[in-house]
C-alpha cells in the first residue's frame, strides 16, 4: 500500500509515546489512519518481530519508521524485505548495551513489569544485519544531544545511508513534529495532502 507507515517504538515505550501520538494525529487528519500501524510491541524481540511481520503483511510495503530499539528492528526488517526505513536515534548492536540491564524492567507508559533475560539478549543478536548500503532506502535522523545512545555509533554504522544529524536535541528527538513532512514525503504521501497543516502546532 503506497503511503503506508509502520511505526516501531523503542525499548519500554508504547503507542502512547509522543512521536507515535503526533504521527497518528497527522495521519488521522489526512484521512489515512488505515495506512498507519503502531503496534504495542511485546518486550521479547522474537515476539515483537512476529508482530511486525504481521503488520508488514497487512500494510503491503510500508515505510518502516523505527525509534531507538525500534530502529534496530526496522533495519532488520528493511533488509529482510527490501523496504524503506526511516530511523530516529536508532540503537546499534543493542545487545552489547543490555548486558548491564538484566533483571526487572518497567514499561514507562503501560506500567507493565517484566524480566530482561539472557534470552532477550540472544534474540537481539540473532537480528543483527550487516550495515545497510542502499542510501535510497534509508533516512537516519540523529541528534547529537541524545543522552541514551551515542549518536556517533549510528553515524558510523549507517554512513552509506542518507544521514540527517542535528546538533543538540535528545533521545526523544526534539522538533519531531516539524520533521513530519519529510517523513510523509519519504512514505510516498503527496505534499498537496498536508501542506495546510501547521506541524509546529502539534
N, C-alpha and C. Protein backbone atom coordinates (compact mmCIF):
# COMPACT_ATOMS: atom_id res chain seq x y z
N UNK A 1 0.86 -1.19 0.00
CA UNK A 1 0.00 0.00 0.00
C UNK A 1 0.90 1.24 0.00
N UNK A 2 0.84 2.00 -1.09
CA UNK A 2 1.67 3.20 -1.18
C UNK A 2 1.23 4.21 -0.11
N UNK A 3 2.22 4.81 0.53
CA UNK A 3 1.89 5.80 1.55
C UNK A 3 1.59 5.22 2.91
N UNK A 4 1.82 3.92 3.07
CA UNK A 4 1.56 3.31 4.39
C UNK A 4 2.83 3.38 5.25
N UNK A 5 2.61 3.45 6.57
CA UNK A 5 3.70 3.62 7.52
C UNK A 5 3.51 2.63 8.68
N UNK A 6 4.60 1.97 9.03
CA UNK A 6 4.62 1.12 10.23
C UNK A 6 5.56 1.77 11.22
N UNK A 7 5.01 2.26 12.35
CA UNK A 7 5.83 2.92 13.36
C UNK A 7 6.24 1.89 14.42
N UNK A 8 7.54 1.85 14.69
CA UNK A 8 8.10 0.83 15.59
C UNK A 8 8.72 1.54 16.79
N UNK A 9 8.04 1.44 17.93
CA UNK A 9 8.50 2.18 19.11
C UNK A 9 9.73 1.51 19.74
N UNK A 10 10.31 2.20 20.70
CA UNK A 10 11.56 1.75 21.30
C UNK A 10 11.39 0.91 22.56
N UNK A 11 12.50 0.70 23.24
CA UNK A 11 12.59 -0.12 24.44
C UNK A 11 11.75 0.49 25.56
N UNK A 12 10.89 -0.33 26.16
CA UNK A 12 10.00 0.12 27.24
C UNK A 12 9.14 1.33 26.84
N UNK A 13 8.85 1.44 25.56
CA UNK A 13 7.98 2.51 25.08
C UNK A 13 6.63 1.90 24.69
N UNK A 14 5.81 2.67 23.97
CA UNK A 14 4.45 2.22 23.65
C UNK A 14 3.84 3.14 22.60
N UNK A 15 2.68 2.75 22.05
CA UNK A 15 1.99 3.63 21.09
C UNK A 15 1.60 4.99 21.69
N UNK A 16 1.61 5.09 23.02
CA UNK A 16 1.27 6.36 23.68
C UNK A 16 2.44 7.34 23.71
N UNK A 17 3.59 6.96 23.18
CA UNK A 17 4.75 7.86 23.21
C UNK A 17 4.46 9.11 22.37
N UNK A 18 5.21 10.15 22.62
CA UNK A 18 4.92 11.45 21.98
C UNK A 18 5.03 11.37 20.46
N UNK A 19 6.11 10.77 19.95
CA UNK A 19 6.31 10.72 18.50
C UNK A 19 5.19 9.90 17.84
N UNK A 20 4.86 8.75 18.43
CA UNK A 20 3.81 7.90 17.86
C UNK A 20 2.47 8.63 17.87
N UNK A 21 2.20 9.36 18.93
CA UNK A 21 0.94 10.10 19.06
C UNK A 21 0.86 11.21 18.02
N UNK A 22 1.96 11.94 17.82
CA UNK A 22 1.97 13.02 16.84
C UNK A 22 1.77 12.48 15.42
N UNK A 23 2.44 11.37 15.11
CA UNK A 23 2.29 10.77 13.79
C UNK A 23 0.86 10.28 13.58
N UNK A 24 0.29 9.64 14.59
CA UNK A 24 -1.09 9.14 14.50
C UNK A 24 -2.07 10.28 14.25
N UNK A 25 -1.83 11.40 14.95
CA UNK A 25 -2.72 12.56 14.82
C UNK A 25 -2.68 13.11 13.39
N UNK A 26 -1.48 13.19 12.81
CA UNK A 26 -1.35 13.71 11.44
C UNK A 26 -2.02 12.77 10.44
N UNK A 27 -1.77 11.47 10.58
CA UNK A 27 -2.37 10.51 9.64
C UNK A 27 -3.90 10.55 9.73
N UNK A 28 -4.41 10.77 10.94
CA UNK A 28 -5.86 10.88 11.13
C UNK A 28 -6.40 12.13 10.41
N UNK A 29 -5.69 13.24 10.57
CA UNK A 29 -6.13 14.48 9.92
C UNK A 29 -6.08 14.37 8.40
N UNK A 30 -5.19 13.52 7.90
CA UNK A 30 -5.07 13.32 6.45
C UNK A 30 -6.08 12.28 5.94
N UNK A 31 -6.82 11.67 6.88
CA UNK A 31 -7.75 10.61 6.49
C UNK A 31 -7.04 9.32 6.10
N UNK A 32 -5.82 9.13 6.65
CA UNK A 32 -5.00 7.97 6.27
C UNK A 32 -4.75 7.03 7.46
N UNK A 33 -5.62 7.08 8.46
CA UNK A 33 -5.40 6.25 9.65
C UNK A 33 -5.28 4.77 9.31
N UNK A 34 -5.99 4.33 8.27
CA UNK A 34 -5.95 2.91 7.91
C UNK A 34 -4.62 2.52 7.27
N UNK A 35 -3.79 3.52 6.94
CA UNK A 35 -2.48 3.24 6.35
C UNK A 35 -1.34 3.34 7.36
N UNK A 36 -1.72 3.43 8.64
CA UNK A 36 -0.72 3.50 9.71
C UNK A 36 -0.94 2.37 10.71
N UNK A 37 0.14 1.73 11.11
CA UNK A 37 0.08 0.77 12.21
C UNK A 37 1.12 1.19 13.25
N UNK A 38 0.69 1.19 14.51
CA UNK A 38 1.62 1.48 15.62
C UNK A 38 1.40 0.37 16.65
N UNK A 39 1.95 -0.82 16.41
CA UNK A 39 1.69 -1.93 17.33
C UNK A 39 2.33 -1.72 18.70
N UNK A 40 1.63 -2.18 19.74
CA UNK A 40 2.21 -2.22 21.09
C UNK A 40 3.07 -3.47 21.15
N UNK A 41 4.37 -3.28 21.08
CA UNK A 41 5.27 -4.43 20.91
C UNK A 41 5.51 -5.19 22.20
N UNK A 42 5.57 -6.50 22.06
CA UNK A 42 5.96 -7.38 23.18
C UNK A 42 7.41 -7.05 23.56
N UNK A 43 7.74 -7.22 24.83
CA UNK A 43 9.11 -6.89 25.26
C UNK A 43 10.14 -7.87 24.72
N UNK A 44 9.71 -9.09 24.32
CA UNK A 44 10.69 -10.06 23.80
C UNK A 44 10.88 -9.85 22.30
N UNK A 45 12.13 -9.72 21.86
CA UNK A 45 12.38 -9.41 20.44
C UNK A 45 11.73 -10.39 19.46
N UNK A 46 11.74 -11.69 19.78
CA UNK A 46 11.15 -12.65 18.82
C UNK A 46 9.66 -12.42 18.67
N UNK A 47 8.99 -12.15 19.79
CA UNK A 47 7.55 -11.87 19.75
C UNK A 47 7.30 -10.56 18.98
N UNK A 48 8.13 -9.56 19.26
CA UNK A 48 7.96 -8.24 18.62
C UNK A 48 8.12 -8.36 17.10
N UNK A 49 9.14 -9.09 16.66
CA UNK A 49 9.37 -9.24 15.22
C UNK A 49 8.18 -9.96 14.58
N UNK A 50 7.61 -10.94 15.27
CA UNK A 50 6.41 -11.62 14.77
C UNK A 50 5.26 -10.65 14.57
N UNK A 51 5.06 -9.76 15.55
CA UNK A 51 4.00 -8.75 15.44
C UNK A 51 4.25 -7.82 14.24
N UNK A 52 5.51 -7.45 14.06
CA UNK A 52 5.86 -6.51 12.99
C UNK A 52 5.72 -7.17 11.62
N UNK A 53 6.06 -8.44 11.53
CA UNK A 53 5.88 -9.18 10.27
C UNK A 53 4.40 -9.19 9.87
N UNK A 54 3.53 -9.37 10.86
CA UNK A 54 2.08 -9.36 10.58
C UNK A 54 1.63 -7.99 10.09
N UNK A 55 2.16 -6.94 10.71
CA UNK A 55 1.79 -5.57 10.32
C UNK A 55 2.27 -5.27 8.90
N UNK A 56 3.48 -5.73 8.56
CA UNK A 56 4.00 -5.52 7.20
C UNK A 56 3.09 -6.21 6.19
N UNK A 57 2.67 -7.42 6.52
CA UNK A 57 1.78 -8.16 5.63
C UNK A 57 0.46 -7.40 5.43
N UNK A 58 -0.06 -6.83 6.51
CA UNK A 58 -1.34 -6.11 6.43
C UNK A 58 -1.22 -4.82 5.61
N UNK A 59 -0.05 -4.17 5.68
CA UNK A 59 0.11 -2.87 5.03
C UNK A 59 0.66 -2.98 3.61
N UNK A 60 1.19 -4.13 3.24
CA UNK A 60 1.81 -4.26 1.93
C UNK A 60 3.29 -3.94 2.02
N UNK A 61 3.70 -2.78 1.48
CA UNK A 61 5.12 -2.40 1.54
C UNK A 61 5.24 -1.05 2.25
N UNK A 62 5.08 -1.04 3.57
CA UNK A 62 5.09 0.23 4.29
C UNK A 62 6.50 0.81 4.44
N UNK A 63 6.53 2.11 4.70
CA UNK A 63 7.76 2.72 5.20
C UNK A 63 7.88 2.31 6.66
N UNK A 64 9.04 1.78 7.03
CA UNK A 64 9.28 1.41 8.43
C UNK A 64 9.89 2.62 9.14
N UNK A 65 9.24 3.07 10.19
CA UNK A 65 9.76 4.19 10.98
C UNK A 65 10.11 3.64 12.36
N UNK A 66 11.39 3.60 12.67
CA UNK A 66 11.82 2.98 13.92
C UNK A 66 12.57 3.94 14.82
N UNK A 67 12.15 4.00 16.09
CA UNK A 67 12.81 4.86 17.07
C UNK A 67 13.61 4.02 18.05
N UNK A 68 14.88 4.38 18.27
CA UNK A 68 15.72 3.72 19.26
C UNK A 68 15.83 2.21 18.98
N UNK A 69 15.39 1.35 19.90
CA UNK A 69 15.42 -0.09 19.63
C UNK A 69 14.55 -0.42 18.41
N UNK A 70 13.49 0.36 18.22
CA UNK A 70 12.65 0.18 17.03
C UNK A 70 13.43 0.40 15.74
N UNK A 71 14.46 1.25 15.81
CA UNK A 71 15.31 1.46 14.64
C UNK A 71 16.12 0.22 14.30
N UNK A 72 16.53 -0.50 15.33
CA UNK A 72 17.25 -1.77 15.15
C UNK A 72 16.33 -2.80 14.49
N UNK A 73 15.09 -2.89 15.01
CA UNK A 73 14.10 -3.81 14.42
C UNK A 73 13.82 -3.41 12.97
N UNK A 74 13.66 -2.11 12.73
CA UNK A 74 13.33 -1.63 11.38
C UNK A 74 14.43 -1.97 10.40
N UNK A 75 15.69 -1.86 10.83
CA UNK A 75 16.81 -2.17 9.95
C UNK A 75 16.79 -3.64 9.57
N UNK A 76 16.57 -4.52 10.54
CA UNK A 76 16.49 -5.95 10.28
C UNK A 76 15.39 -6.24 9.25
N UNK A 77 14.22 -5.65 9.47
CA UNK A 77 13.07 -5.94 8.60
C UNK A 77 13.23 -5.30 7.23
N UNK A 78 13.82 -4.11 7.17
CA UNK A 78 14.05 -3.45 5.88
C UNK A 78 15.01 -4.27 5.03
N UNK A 79 16.04 -4.82 5.67
CA UNK A 79 16.99 -5.65 4.93
C UNK A 79 16.36 -6.97 4.51
N UNK A 80 15.52 -7.52 5.36
CA UNK A 80 14.89 -8.81 5.04
C UNK A 80 13.89 -8.68 3.89
N UNK A 81 13.16 -7.57 3.86
CA UNK A 81 12.06 -7.43 2.90
C UNK A 81 12.32 -6.39 1.80
N UNK A 82 13.48 -5.75 1.83
CA UNK A 82 13.76 -4.73 0.82
C UNK A 82 12.87 -3.50 0.94
N UNK A 83 12.56 -3.12 2.18
CA UNK A 83 11.67 -1.99 2.42
C UNK A 83 12.46 -0.71 2.70
N UNK A 84 11.78 0.43 2.62
CA UNK A 84 12.39 1.70 3.01
C UNK A 84 12.27 1.85 4.53
N UNK A 85 13.24 2.52 5.12
CA UNK A 85 13.22 2.71 6.57
C UNK A 85 13.70 4.10 6.93
N UNK A 86 13.00 4.70 7.89
CA UNK A 86 13.41 5.97 8.45
C UNK A 86 13.69 5.73 9.94
N UNK A 87 14.92 5.98 10.33
CA UNK A 87 15.35 5.62 11.68
C UNK A 87 15.62 6.88 12.50
N UNK A 88 15.08 6.89 13.72
CA UNK A 88 15.21 8.07 14.59
C UNK A 88 16.04 7.68 15.82
N UNK A 89 17.23 8.27 15.94
CA UNK A 89 18.15 7.91 17.03
C UNK A 89 18.18 6.39 17.23
N UNK A 90 18.50 5.62 16.16
CA UNK A 90 18.41 4.16 16.27
C UNK A 90 19.50 3.55 17.14
N UNK A 91 19.14 2.44 17.78
CA UNK A 91 20.11 1.65 18.54
C UNK A 91 20.93 0.80 17.58
N UNK A 92 22.23 0.75 17.82
CA UNK A 92 23.14 -0.10 17.04
C UNK A 92 23.69 -1.16 17.99
N UNK A 93 23.59 -2.43 17.60
CA UNK A 93 24.05 -3.54 18.46
C UNK A 93 23.53 -3.41 19.89
N UNK A 94 22.21 -3.32 20.10
CA UNK A 94 21.67 -3.08 21.44
C UNK A 94 22.01 -4.18 22.44
N UNK A 95 22.27 -5.40 21.93
CA UNK A 95 22.63 -6.49 22.85
C UNK A 95 23.90 -6.19 23.65
N UNK A 96 24.76 -5.34 23.08
CA UNK A 96 26.00 -5.01 23.80
C UNK A 96 25.71 -4.11 24.99
N UNK A 97 24.61 -3.35 24.88
CA UNK A 97 24.27 -2.43 25.99
C UNK A 97 23.45 -3.14 27.06
N UNK A 98 22.68 -4.14 26.65
CA UNK A 98 21.71 -4.72 27.57
C UNK A 98 22.32 -5.64 28.62
N UNK A 99 23.55 -6.06 28.41
CA UNK A 99 24.16 -6.94 29.40
C UNK A 99 24.13 -6.35 30.80
N UNK A 100 24.25 -5.04 30.88
CA UNK A 100 24.24 -4.39 32.19
C UNK A 100 22.85 -4.11 32.73
N UNK A 101 21.83 -4.44 31.94
CA UNK A 101 20.46 -4.11 32.33
C UNK A 101 19.61 -5.32 32.66
N UNK A 102 20.23 -6.50 32.74
CA UNK A 102 19.45 -7.71 33.01
C UNK A 102 18.70 -7.58 34.33
N UNK A 103 17.49 -8.14 34.36
CA UNK A 103 16.69 -8.06 35.59
C UNK A 103 15.37 -7.36 35.34
N UNK A 104 14.71 -6.93 36.42
CA UNK A 104 13.36 -6.36 36.33
C UNK A 104 13.34 -5.07 35.51
N UNK A 105 12.31 -4.92 34.70
CA UNK A 105 12.10 -3.73 33.87
C UNK A 105 10.67 -3.24 34.06
N UNK A 106 10.46 -1.97 33.73
CA UNK A 106 9.10 -1.44 33.78
C UNK A 106 8.86 -0.58 32.55
N UNK A 107 7.75 -0.85 31.87
CA UNK A 107 7.39 -0.04 30.72
C UNK A 107 6.95 1.34 31.20
N UNK A 108 7.53 2.39 30.62
CA UNK A 108 7.30 3.75 31.08
C UNK A 108 5.86 4.22 30.84
N UNK A 109 5.20 3.58 29.90
CA UNK A 109 3.86 4.03 29.50
C UNK A 109 2.75 3.14 30.03
N UNK A 110 3.01 1.83 30.07
CA UNK A 110 1.94 0.89 30.44
C UNK A 110 2.04 0.40 31.88
N UNK A 111 3.17 0.69 32.54
CA UNK A 111 3.45 0.21 33.90
C UNK A 111 3.62 -1.31 33.97
N UNK A 112 3.70 -1.96 32.80
CA UNK A 112 3.94 -3.41 32.79
C UNK A 112 5.36 -3.68 33.32
N UNK A 113 5.47 -4.66 34.22
CA UNK A 113 6.81 -5.07 34.68
C UNK A 113 7.16 -6.41 34.06
N UNK A 114 8.42 -6.58 33.74
CA UNK A 114 8.88 -7.82 33.10
C UNK A 114 10.36 -8.00 33.38
N UNK A 115 10.88 -9.15 33.03
CA UNK A 115 12.26 -9.51 33.34
C UNK A 115 13.10 -9.55 32.06
N UNK A 116 14.16 -8.74 32.01
CA UNK A 116 15.09 -8.79 30.88
C UNK A 116 16.10 -9.92 31.14
N UNK A 117 16.11 -10.90 30.25
CA UNK A 117 16.92 -12.10 30.46
C UNK A 117 18.00 -12.24 29.38
N UNK A 118 18.87 -13.22 29.57
CA UNK A 118 19.88 -13.51 28.55
C UNK A 118 19.23 -13.92 27.23
N UNK A 119 18.03 -14.51 27.31
CA UNK A 119 17.35 -14.93 26.09
C UNK A 119 16.94 -13.71 25.25
N UNK A 120 16.55 -12.62 25.91
CA UNK A 120 16.27 -11.38 25.18
C UNK A 120 17.52 -10.94 24.41
N UNK A 121 18.66 -10.98 25.10
CA UNK A 121 19.92 -10.53 24.50
C UNK A 121 20.29 -11.42 23.32
N UNK A 122 20.14 -12.73 23.50
CA UNK A 122 20.43 -13.68 22.41
C UNK A 122 19.54 -13.40 21.21
N UNK A 123 18.26 -13.13 21.48
CA UNK A 123 17.31 -12.86 20.39
C UNK A 123 17.70 -11.59 19.63
N UNK A 124 18.23 -10.60 20.33
CA UNK A 124 18.69 -9.38 19.67
C UNK A 124 19.90 -9.65 18.79
N UNK A 125 20.81 -10.50 19.27
CA UNK A 125 21.99 -10.86 18.47
C UNK A 125 21.55 -11.48 17.15
N UNK A 126 20.51 -12.32 17.20
CA UNK A 126 20.02 -13.01 16.01
C UNK A 126 19.50 -12.05 14.94
N UNK A 127 19.14 -10.84 15.35
CA UNK A 127 18.55 -9.88 14.41
C UNK A 127 19.59 -8.99 13.74
N UNK A 128 20.84 -9.10 14.15
CA UNK A 128 21.87 -8.20 13.63
C UNK A 128 22.10 -8.46 12.14
N UNK A 129 22.22 -7.38 11.38
CA UNK A 129 22.48 -7.48 9.94
C UNK A 129 23.69 -6.61 9.60
N UNK A 130 24.34 -6.89 8.47
CA UNK A 130 25.43 -6.01 8.05
C UNK A 130 24.90 -4.60 7.81
N UNK A 131 25.78 -3.61 7.94
CA UNK A 131 25.35 -2.21 7.75
C UNK A 131 24.73 -2.03 6.37
N UNK A 132 23.56 -1.39 6.30
CA UNK A 132 22.89 -1.20 5.01
C UNK A 132 23.73 -0.32 4.08
N UNK A 133 23.66 -0.63 2.80
CA UNK A 133 24.46 0.11 1.82
C UNK A 133 23.63 0.93 0.85
N UNK A 134 22.30 0.80 0.91
CA UNK A 134 21.45 1.45 -0.08
C UNK A 134 20.89 2.77 0.44
N UNK A 135 21.51 3.90 0.07
CA UNK A 135 21.08 5.19 0.62
C UNK A 135 19.67 5.58 0.18
N UNK A 136 19.20 5.00 -0.93
CA UNK A 136 17.86 5.33 -1.42
C UNK A 136 16.78 4.82 -0.47
N UNK A 137 17.08 3.75 0.22
CA UNK A 137 16.05 3.10 1.05
C UNK A 137 16.05 3.58 2.50
N UNK A 138 17.06 4.36 2.87
CA UNK A 138 17.20 4.73 4.29
C UNK A 138 17.28 6.24 4.49
N UNK A 139 16.64 6.70 5.57
CA UNK A 139 16.94 8.01 6.13
C UNK A 139 17.22 7.78 7.61
N UNK A 140 18.28 8.40 8.10
CA UNK A 140 18.66 8.21 9.50
C UNK A 140 18.73 9.60 10.15
N UNK A 141 17.82 9.81 11.11
CA UNK A 141 17.75 11.10 11.80
C UNK A 141 18.40 10.97 13.17
N UNK A 142 19.44 11.77 13.39
CA UNK A 142 20.18 11.71 14.65
C UNK A 142 20.25 13.09 15.29
N UNK A 143 20.24 13.10 16.62
CA UNK A 143 20.51 14.34 17.36
C UNK A 143 21.69 14.11 18.27
N UNK A 144 22.63 15.04 18.23
CA UNK A 144 23.89 14.84 18.95
C UNK A 144 23.71 14.87 20.46
N UNK A 145 22.59 15.46 20.93
CA UNK A 145 22.35 15.55 22.37
C UNK A 145 21.68 14.32 22.96
N UNK A 146 21.56 13.25 22.17
CA UNK A 146 20.94 12.01 22.65
C UNK A 146 21.66 11.53 23.91
N UNK A 147 20.92 11.49 25.03
CA UNK A 147 21.54 11.14 26.32
C UNK A 147 21.54 9.63 26.57
N UNK A 148 20.84 8.87 25.72
CA UNK A 148 20.73 7.42 25.93
C UNK A 148 21.70 6.65 25.04
N UNK A 149 21.82 7.08 23.80
CA UNK A 149 22.68 6.40 22.83
C UNK A 149 23.70 7.39 22.27
N UNK A 150 24.90 6.90 21.99
CA UNK A 150 25.94 7.74 21.37
C UNK A 150 25.63 7.81 19.87
N UNK A 151 25.23 9.00 19.41
CA UNK A 151 24.82 9.14 18.00
C UNK A 151 25.92 8.74 17.03
N UNK A 152 27.18 8.81 17.48
CA UNK A 152 28.29 8.51 16.57
C UNK A 152 28.32 7.04 16.15
N UNK A 153 27.76 6.16 17.01
CA UNK A 153 27.69 4.74 16.64
C UNK A 153 26.78 4.55 15.43
N UNK A 154 25.64 5.25 15.44
CA UNK A 154 24.72 5.16 14.30
C UNK A 154 25.30 5.89 13.09
N UNK A 155 25.96 7.01 13.33
CA UNK A 155 26.57 7.76 12.23
C UNK A 155 27.58 6.88 11.48
N UNK A 156 28.33 6.10 12.22
CA UNK A 156 29.33 5.22 11.63
C UNK A 156 28.67 4.03 10.93
N UNK A 157 27.73 3.39 11.62
CA UNK A 157 27.09 2.17 11.08
C UNK A 157 26.30 2.48 9.81
N UNK A 158 25.59 3.61 9.79
CA UNK A 158 24.73 3.96 8.65
C UNK A 158 25.42 4.96 7.71
N UNK A 159 26.76 4.97 7.71
CA UNK A 159 27.47 6.02 6.99
C UNK A 159 27.19 6.01 5.48
N UNK A 160 26.78 4.87 4.92
CA UNK A 160 26.47 4.82 3.49
C UNK A 160 25.07 5.34 3.19
N UNK A 161 24.27 5.57 4.23
CA UNK A 161 22.87 5.97 4.05
C UNK A 161 22.72 7.50 4.12
N UNK A 162 21.51 7.94 3.85
CA UNK A 162 21.21 9.38 3.95
C UNK A 162 21.08 9.76 5.42
N UNK A 163 22.04 10.53 5.92
CA UNK A 163 22.07 10.92 7.34
C UNK A 163 21.59 12.35 7.50
N UNK A 164 20.79 12.58 8.54
CA UNK A 164 20.40 13.94 8.92
C UNK A 164 20.80 14.10 10.38
N UNK A 165 21.84 14.86 10.64
CA UNK A 165 22.35 14.99 12.01
C UNK A 165 22.12 16.42 12.50
N UNK A 166 21.39 16.54 13.61
CA UNK A 166 21.11 17.85 14.19
C UNK A 166 21.88 18.01 15.49
N UNK A 167 22.45 19.18 15.69
CA UNK A 167 23.15 19.46 16.94
C UNK A 167 22.13 19.62 18.07
N UNK A 168 22.49 19.13 19.25
CA UNK A 168 21.61 19.25 20.41
C UNK A 168 20.52 18.18 20.39
N UNK A 169 19.33 18.56 20.90
CA UNK A 169 18.23 17.60 20.94
C UNK A 169 18.39 16.61 22.08
N UNK A 170 17.68 15.49 21.96
CA UNK A 170 17.75 14.45 23.00
C UNK A 170 17.30 13.11 22.40
N UNK A 171 17.23 12.08 23.25
CA UNK A 171 16.89 10.75 22.74
C UNK A 171 15.47 10.69 22.17
N UNK A 172 14.58 11.50 22.74
CA UNK A 172 13.20 11.52 22.25
C UNK A 172 13.05 12.21 20.90
N UNK A 173 14.07 12.91 20.48
CA UNK A 173 14.17 13.66 19.22
C UNK A 173 13.30 14.92 19.26
N UNK A 174 13.95 16.03 19.66
CA UNK A 174 13.27 17.32 19.74
C UNK A 174 12.86 17.81 18.34
N UNK A 175 11.69 18.44 18.27
CA UNK A 175 11.25 19.01 17.00
C UNK A 175 10.77 17.97 16.00
N UNK A 176 10.37 16.80 16.50
CA UNK A 176 9.95 15.70 15.61
C UNK A 176 8.77 16.13 14.72
N UNK A 177 7.79 16.82 15.30
CA UNK A 177 6.58 17.17 14.54
C UNK A 177 6.92 17.99 13.30
N UNK A 178 7.87 18.94 13.45
CA UNK A 178 8.24 19.78 12.31
C UNK A 178 8.91 19.00 11.20
N UNK A 179 9.43 17.83 11.52
CA UNK A 179 10.11 16.99 10.52
C UNK A 179 9.15 16.04 9.81
N UNK A 180 7.90 15.99 10.27
CA UNK A 180 6.96 15.02 9.71
C UNK A 180 6.72 15.16 8.20
N UNK A 181 6.71 16.37 7.63
CA UNK A 181 6.55 16.44 6.17
C UNK A 181 7.60 15.63 5.41
N UNK A 182 8.85 15.63 5.91
CA UNK A 182 9.90 14.85 5.24
C UNK A 182 9.60 13.35 5.33
N UNK A 183 9.04 12.93 6.47
CA UNK A 183 8.68 11.52 6.64
C UNK A 183 7.53 11.14 5.71
N UNK A 184 6.51 11.99 5.65
CA UNK A 184 5.36 11.70 4.79
C UNK A 184 5.79 11.64 3.33
N UNK A 185 6.65 12.54 2.94
CA UNK A 185 7.17 12.55 1.58
C UNK A 185 7.93 11.26 1.27
N UNK A 186 8.77 10.83 2.21
CA UNK A 186 9.55 9.59 2.04
C UNK A 186 8.62 8.37 1.94
N UNK A 187 7.47 8.47 2.61
CA UNK A 187 6.50 7.37 2.56
C UNK A 187 5.69 7.38 1.27
N UNK A 188 5.86 8.44 0.47
CA UNK A 188 5.13 8.50 -0.80
C UNK A 188 3.78 9.18 -0.70
N UNK A 189 3.58 9.99 0.35
CA UNK A 189 2.33 10.72 0.53
C UNK A 189 2.51 12.12 -0.06
N UNK A 190 1.62 12.50 -0.97
CA UNK A 190 1.78 13.76 -1.71
C UNK A 190 1.69 15.00 -0.83
N UNK A 191 2.56 15.97 -1.10
CA UNK A 191 2.61 17.20 -0.29
C UNK A 191 1.30 17.97 -0.33
N UNK A 192 0.54 17.84 -1.43
CA UNK A 192 -0.74 18.55 -1.54
C UNK A 192 -1.69 18.16 -0.42
N UNK A 193 -1.51 16.95 0.12
CA UNK A 193 -2.40 16.47 1.18
C UNK A 193 -2.14 17.18 2.51
N UNK A 194 -0.89 17.54 2.76
CA UNK A 194 -0.56 18.01 4.12
C UNK A 194 0.00 19.43 4.17
N UNK A 195 0.02 20.14 3.05
CA UNK A 195 0.67 21.46 3.09
C UNK A 195 -0.09 22.47 3.94
N UNK A 196 -1.39 22.19 4.20
CA UNK A 196 -2.19 23.13 5.01
C UNK A 196 -2.01 22.90 6.51
N UNK A 197 -1.35 21.84 6.89
CA UNK A 197 -1.21 21.52 8.33
C UNK A 197 -0.06 22.34 8.93
N UNK A 198 -0.32 22.91 10.09
CA UNK A 198 0.74 23.60 10.85
C UNK A 198 1.41 22.58 11.77
N UNK A 199 2.50 22.01 11.31
CA UNK A 199 3.14 20.94 12.07
C UNK A 199 3.74 21.44 13.38
N UNK A 200 4.10 22.72 13.43
CA UNK A 200 4.70 23.24 14.66
C UNK A 200 3.67 23.33 15.79
N UNK A 201 2.39 23.22 15.46
CA UNK A 201 1.34 23.35 16.47
C UNK A 201 0.95 21.99 17.07
N UNK A 202 1.56 20.91 16.59
CA UNK A 202 1.19 19.58 17.08
C UNK A 202 1.61 19.38 18.53
